[in-house]
Each structure stands twice: as C-alpha cells, then as structure tokens.
Amino acid sequence: MSEVPESLEWRSVLNAIQIDSVRASLPALDQSGIVAYTDGACIKNPGGPAGWSALLWAAADFVDGTVREETACVECYGHIPRAQTTTNNRAEIAAVLAVLSLAPT
C-alpha cells in the first residue's frame, strides 16, 4: 500500500499550529466553546500562491455578537505555495482545518 503524500494545505496548517506563540495562546481557550473567524485567498485562482488565517476566541468572551475588549485571541495563519491544485477554496479549508486542530476537545 503506497503512502498518500501530504497536501500543501495540510503542511501549511501543521507548520502554523506548531509555532510557539500560537501554542502559548491556547490556554486562553476553554471548554465552553470557541468563536472563530477564518479566511483564505489565492492570487491566481487556480494555480497561484495562497494564504489563510484564523482568529479564535473563547465563546465566553463574546457578548451580543461582539468580542469584549482586551480579550485574548489566538491568531494563526499560513502560506500555501504556488501549485496547480492551489485554489481559494483550498485556502479557506486550510483555515478551517487550523481551527479544528487548535480547538479544545
């Protein structure tokens, strides 16, 4: 059985979530849930370089749909190199994968 090669998007997520500043911010998230905003874009769609980002807050820090001031935020972002398969949709999905990888279980 051959091993499936790791995708550029997944490699980008793995690199981003292992950064010390991202890992250090995680204790601010608790078991009450999270609120996350994500985005992804590709300069030449398809085939250009792409990027993604994700912002995560503890759900308890949201009041009436607005985050409280001075609230800890986990910021995570990554770059996806130019490839034939790179699209804005794949960058968007990479951001969601990062949130799912960082969210408390």
C-alpha atoms as a PDB file:
ATOM      1  CA  MET A   1       0.000   0.000   0.000  1.00  0.00           C
ATOM      2  CA  SER A   2       1.508   3.339  -1.011  1.00  0.00           C
ATOM      3  CA  GLU A   3       1.576   6.284   1.327  1.00  0.00           C
ATOM      4  CA  VAL A   4      -0.545   9.295   0.335  1.00  0.00           C
ATOM      5  CA  PRO A   5       1.612  12.426   0.025  1.00  0.00           C
ATOM      6  CA  GLU A   6       0.860  15.229   2.464  1.00  0.00           C
ATOM      7  CA  SER A   7      -1.010  18.104   0.829  1.00  0.00           C
ATOM      8  CA  LEU A   8       0.494  21.580   0.653  1.00  0.00           C
ATOM      9  CA  GLU A   9      -2.513  22.892   2.576  1.00  0.00           C
ATOM     10  CA  TRP A  10      -2.161  20.410   5.429  1.00  0.00           C
ATOM     11  CA  ARG A  11       1.593  21.043   5.616  1.00  0.00           C
ATOM     12  CA  SER A  12       0.848  24.785   5.916  1.00  0.00           C
ATOM     13  CA  VAL A  13      -1.606  24.145   8.779  1.00  0.00           C
ATOM     14  CA  LEU A  14       0.806  21.843  10.623  1.00  0.00           C
ATOM     15  CA  ASN A  15       3.604  24.417  10.358  1.00  0.00           C
ATOM     16  CA  ALA A  16       1.364  27.205  11.658  1.00  0.00           C
ATOM     17  CA  ILE A  17      -0.127  25.403  14.651  1.00  0.00           C
ATOM     18  CA  GLN A  18       3.317  24.377  15.911  1.00  0.00           C
ATOM     19  CA  ILE A  19       4.523  27.991  16.263  1.00  0.00           C
ATOM     20  CA  ASP A  20       5.252  28.746  19.930  1.00  0.00           C
ATOM     21  CA  SER A  21       3.212  31.966  20.068  1.00  0.00           C
ATOM     22  CA  VAL A  22       0.153  30.105  18.787  1.00  0.00           C
ATOM     23  CA  ARG A  23       0.614  27.241  21.257  1.00  0.00           C
ATOM     24  CA  ALA A  24       1.168  29.699  24.141  1.00  0.00           C
ATOM     25  CA  SER A  25      -2.181  31.396  23.430  1.00  0.00           C
ATOM     26  CA  LEU A  26      -4.188  28.181  23.609  1.00  0.00           C
ATOM     27  CA  PRO A  27      -4.768  28.172  27.395  1.00  0.00           C
ATOM     28  CA  ALA A  28      -6.950  31.266  26.862  1.00  0.00           C
ATOM     29  CA  LEU A  29      -9.464  28.991  25.127  1.00  0.00           C
ATOM     30  CA  ASP A  30     -11.557  26.883  27.441  1.00  0.00           C
ATOM     31  CA  GLN A  31     -14.099  24.081  27.270  1.00  0.00           C
ATOM     32  CA  SER A  32     -17.066  26.489  26.995  1.00  0.00           C
ATOM     33  CA  GLY A  33     -16.557  26.640  23.246  1.00  0.00           C
ATOM     34  CA  ILE A  34     -14.906  28.934  20.761  1.00  0.00           C
ATOM     35  CA  VAL A  35     -15.823  31.543  18.183  1.00  0.00           C
ATOM     36  CA  ALA A  36     -13.627  31.526  15.092  1.00  0.00           C
ATOM     37  CA  TYR A  37     -13.281  33.698  12.022  1.00  0.00           C
ATOM     38  CA  THR A  38     -11.463  32.249   9.019  1.00  0.00           C
ATOM     39  CA  ASP A  39     -10.457  33.415   5.563  1.00  0.00           C
ATOM     40  CA  GLY A  40      -8.447  32.161   2.626  1.00  0.00           C
ATOM     41  CA  ALA A  41      -7.402  33.631  -0.700  1.00  0.00           C
ATOM     42  CA  CYS A  42      -5.437  32.726  -3.812  1.00  0.00           C
ATOM     43  CA  ILE A  43      -3.765  35.351  -6.011  1.00  0.00           C
ATOM     44  CA  LYS A  44      -4.167  33.410  -9.282  1.00  0.00           C
ATOM     45  CA  ASN A  45      -7.087  31.043  -8.987  1.00  0.00           C
ATOM     46  CA  PRO A  46      -6.300  28.229  -9.621  1.00  0.00           C
ATOM     47  CA  GLY A  47      -2.566  27.792  -9.549  1.00  0.00           C
ATOM     48  CA  GLY A  48      -1.225  30.775  -7.672  1.00  0.00           C
ATOM     49  CA  PRO A  49       0.183  31.166  -4.192  1.00  0.00           C
ATOM     50  CA  ALA A  50      -2.423  31.270  -1.447  1.00  0.00           C
ATOM     51  CA  GLY A  51      -2.777  32.247   2.169  1.00  0.00           C
ATOM     52  CA  TRP A  52      -5.183  31.665   5.013  1.00  0.00           C
ATOM     53  CA  SER A  53      -5.800  32.949   8.520  1.00  0.00           C
ATOM     54  CA  ALA A  54      -7.880  32.075  11.549  1.00  0.00           C
ATOM     55  CA  LEU A  55      -8.763  34.009  14.699  1.00  0.00           C
ATOM     56  CA  LEU A  56     -10.123  32.149  17.731  1.00  0.00           C
ATOM     57  CA  TRP A  57     -11.698  33.476  20.935  1.00  0.00           C
ATOM     58  CA  ALA A  58     -13.308  31.763  23.906  1.00  0.00           C
ATOM     59  CA  ALA A  59     -17.097  31.794  23.416  1.00  0.00           C
ATOM     60  CA  ALA A  60     -17.476  33.275  26.911  1.00  0.00           C
ATOM     61  CA  ASP A  61     -15.709  36.423  25.657  1.00  0.00           C
ATOM     62  CA  PHE A  62     -18.490  37.191  23.159  1.00  0.00           C
ATOM     63  CA  VAL A  63     -21.428  39.324  24.272  1.00  0.00           C
ATOM     64  CA  ASP A  64     -24.236  40.049  21.791  1.00  0.00           C
ATOM     65  CA  GLY A  65     -22.021  39.033  18.872  1.00  0.00           C
ATOM     66  CA  THR A  66     -19.131  41.307  19.860  1.00  0.00           C
ATOM     67  CA  VAL A  67     -15.866  40.299  21.492  1.00  0.00           C
ATOM     68  CA  ARG A  68     -15.070  42.036  24.781  1.00  0.00           C
ATOM     69  CA  GLU A  69     -12.124  44.447  24.774  1.00  0.00           C
ATOM     70  CA  GLU A  70      -8.711  43.204  25.958  1.00  0.00           C
ATOM     71  CA  THR A  71      -9.758  39.614  25.294  1.00  0.00           C
ATOM     72  CA  ALA A  72      -7.128  37.010  24.410  1.00  0.00           C
ATOM     73  CA  CYS A  73      -7.206  35.967  20.765  1.00  0.00           C
ATOM     74  CA  VAL A  74      -5.376  33.075  19.151  1.00  0.00           C
ATOM     75  CA  GLU A  75      -4.069  34.177  15.737  1.00  0.00           C
ATOM     76  CA  CYS A  76      -2.944  31.573  13.237  1.00  0.00           C
ATOM     77  CA  TYR A  77      -2.047  31.970   9.568  1.00  0.00           C
ATOM     78  CA  GLY A  78      -0.165  30.257   6.799  1.00  0.00           C
ATOM     79  CA  HIS A  79       1.101  30.366   3.224  1.00  0.00           C
ATOM     80  CA  ILE A  80       0.438  27.768   0.561  1.00  0.00           C
ATOM     81  CA  PRO A  81       2.998  27.717  -2.274  1.00  0.00           C
ATOM     82  CA  ARG A  82       2.045  28.010  -5.919  1.00  0.00           C
ATOM     83  CA  ALA A  83       0.794  24.692  -7.328  1.00  0.00           C
ATOM     84  CA  GLN A  84      -1.671  23.580 -10.000  1.00  0.00           C
ATOM     85  CA  THR A  85      -4.075  22.423  -7.296  1.00  0.00           C
ATOM     86  CA  THR A  86      -3.961  25.605  -5.199  1.00  0.00           C
ATOM     87  CA  THR A  87      -7.290  27.472  -5.125  1.00  0.00           C
ATOM     88  CA  ASN A  88      -9.043  29.964  -2.884  1.00  0.00           C
ATOM     89  CA  ASN A  89     -11.353  27.163  -1.704  1.00  0.00           C
ATOM     90  CA  ARG A  90      -8.414  25.030  -0.588  1.00  0.00           C
ATOM     91  CA  ALA A  91      -7.021  28.032   1.314  1.00  0.00           C
ATOM     92  CA  GLU A  92     -10.413  28.556   3.003  1.00  0.00           C
ATOM     93  CA  ILE A  93     -10.476  24.886   4.005  1.00  0.00           C
ATOM     94  CA  ALA A  94      -6.924  25.129   5.384  1.00  0.00           C
ATOM     95  CA  ALA A  95      -8.113  27.894   7.739  1.00  0.00           C
ATOM     96  CA  VAL A  96     -10.974  25.710   8.973  1.00  0.00           C
ATOM     97  CA  LEU A  97      -8.575  22.775   9.449  1.00  0.00           C
ATOM     98  CA  ALA A  98      -6.395  25.022  11.612  1.00  0.00           C
ATOM     99  CA  VAL A  99      -9.382  25.933  13.803  1.00  0.00           C
ATOM    100  CA  LEU A 100     -10.366  22.282  14.184  1.00  0.00           C
ATOM    101  CA  SER A 101      -6.760  21.384  15.037  1.00  0.00           C
ATOM    102  CA  LEU A 102      -6.465  24.107  17.692  1.00  0.00           C
ATOM    103  CA  ALA A 103      -9.917  23.996  19.284  1.00  0.00           C
ATOM    104  CA  PRO A 104     -10.147  22.410  22.737  1.00  0.00           C
ATOM    105  CA  THR A 105     -11.699  18.957  22.728  1.00  0.00           C
END
